Protein backbone atom coordinates (compact mmCIF):
# COMPACT_ATOMS: atom_id res chain seq x y z
CA UNK A 1 329.57 -34.05 -57.81
CA UNK A 2 327.30 -32.28 -60.26
CA UNK A 3 326.14 -28.65 -60.38
CA UNK A 4 323.42 -27.56 -62.81
CA UNK A 5 322.11 -24.13 -63.79
CA UNK A 6 320.69 -22.19 -66.74
CA UNK A 7 321.87 -19.09 -68.54
CA UNK A 8 321.41 -17.33 -71.85
CA UNK A 9 323.27 -18.60 -74.90
CA UNK A 10 325.53 -15.74 -76.06
CA UNK A 11 325.03 -16.65 -79.74
CA UNK A 12 321.29 -17.29 -79.99
CA UNK A 13 320.03 -15.45 -76.91
CA UNK A 14 317.93 -18.46 -75.90
CA UNK A 15 318.07 -20.32 -72.62
CA UNK A 16 320.63 -23.09 -72.34
CA UNK A 17 321.18 -25.68 -69.67
CA UNK A 18 324.65 -26.02 -68.15
CA UNK A 19 326.29 -28.46 -65.81
CA UNK A 20 329.67 -28.85 -64.18
CA UNK A 21 330.72 -32.33 -63.14
CA UNK A 22 333.67 -33.12 -60.88
CA UNK A 23 334.97 -36.64 -61.16
CA UNK A 24 338.39 -37.98 -60.15
CA UNK A 25 339.58 -34.46 -59.31
CA UNK A 26 338.76 -32.94 -62.71
CA UNK A 27 335.94 -30.61 -63.72
CA UNK A 28 334.08 -30.96 -67.01
CA UNK A 29 331.46 -28.54 -68.31
CA UNK A 30 328.58 -29.41 -70.63
CA UNK A 31 325.62 -27.60 -72.15
CA UNK A 32 322.44 -28.34 -74.04
CA UNK A 33 319.83 -26.10 -75.63
CA UNK A 34 316.78 -28.21 -74.85
CA UNK A 35 315.83 -29.87 -71.60
CA UNK A 36 315.96 -33.43 -72.96
CA UNK A 37 318.77 -32.99 -75.50
CA UNK A 38 322.17 -34.67 -75.34
CA UNK A 39 324.88 -32.91 -73.32
CA UNK A 40 327.67 -31.32 -75.39
CA UNK A 41 331.14 -30.67 -73.95
CA UNK A 42 331.88 -27.00 -73.33
CA UNK A 43 335.54 -26.07 -73.37
CA UNK A 44 336.89 -23.79 -72.05
CA UNK A 45 334.43 -22.63 -69.40
CA UNK A 46 334.22 -18.90 -68.76
CA UNK A 47 335.22 -17.08 -65.58
CA UNK A 48 331.53 -16.47 -64.87
CA UNK A 49 330.85 -20.22 -65.02
CA UNK A 50 333.63 -20.93 -62.54
CA UNK A 51 332.22 -18.26 -60.20
CA UNK A 52 328.79 -19.93 -60.35
CA UNK A 53 330.41 -23.27 -59.46
CA UNK A 54 332.29 -21.69 -56.53
CA UNK A 55 329.08 -20.09 -55.25
CA UNK A 56 327.26 -23.43 -55.42
CA UNK A 57 330.14 -25.17 -53.62
CA UNK A 58 330.13 -22.58 -50.85
CA UNK A 59 326.39 -23.00 -50.33
CA UNK A 60 326.72 -26.80 -50.26
CA UNK A 61 329.70 -26.59 -47.90
CA UNK A 62 327.63 -24.67 -45.34
CA UNK A 63 325.02 -27.44 -45.46
CA UNK A 64 327.72 -30.15 -45.33
CA UNK A 65 326.67 -31.73 -48.63
CA UNK A 66 329.84 -33.56 -49.62
CA UNK A 67 331.99 -30.52 -50.42
CA UNK A 68 335.51 -30.51 -48.99
CA UNK A 69 337.90 -27.65 -48.36
CA UNK A 70 340.07 -28.98 -51.19
CA UNK A 71 337.16 -28.77 -53.64
CA UNK A 72 336.70 -25.09 -52.87
CA UNK A 73 340.46 -24.34 -52.89
CA UNK A 74 340.78 -25.98 -56.32
CA UNK A 75 338.04 -23.80 -57.85
CA UNK A 76 339.38 -20.68 -56.09
CA UNK A 77 342.84 -21.36 -57.62
CA UNK A 78 341.33 -21.78 -61.08
CA UNK A 79 339.41 -18.50 -60.73
CA UNK A 80 342.53 -16.66 -59.53
CA UNK A 81 344.53 -17.98 -62.50
CA UNK A 82 341.80 -16.97 -64.96
CA UNK A 83 341.57 -13.48 -63.48
CA UNK A 84 345.35 -13.10 -63.70
CA UNK A 85 345.29 -14.17 -67.37
CA UNK A 86 342.37 -11.88 -68.22
CA UNK A 87 343.70 -8.83 -66.36
CA UNK A 88 345.15 -6.13 -68.61
CA UNK A 89 348.90 -6.02 -68.37
CA UNK A 90 350.40 -2.70 -67.33
C-alpha cells in the first residue's frame, strides 16, 4: 500500500513530495524535493505525517480499497504512542 502527498519542507520552505509505504506490516516514509528525483528515506516521521496517513486510510476504507481494520488500528496505536511521548509531563 502506498500513500502520497505534498507538503512544505521545513528547512527550505519549498514543496516536497512525500510517500508512506506499508509492506510486510511495516511503514516506511520517503521524501524527494523534485518530482522525478530519487526517494530518500525519512526517519522518524512526524505526528502530522502519521495523521495524514490515518486520514488517507480512513477515506480508502470507506471505499473498500484494500484497507483492513488492522491497518487502521496499527496507525491509530502509533499516533497514540507519539502523542503520549510528546505530551508535557505534569
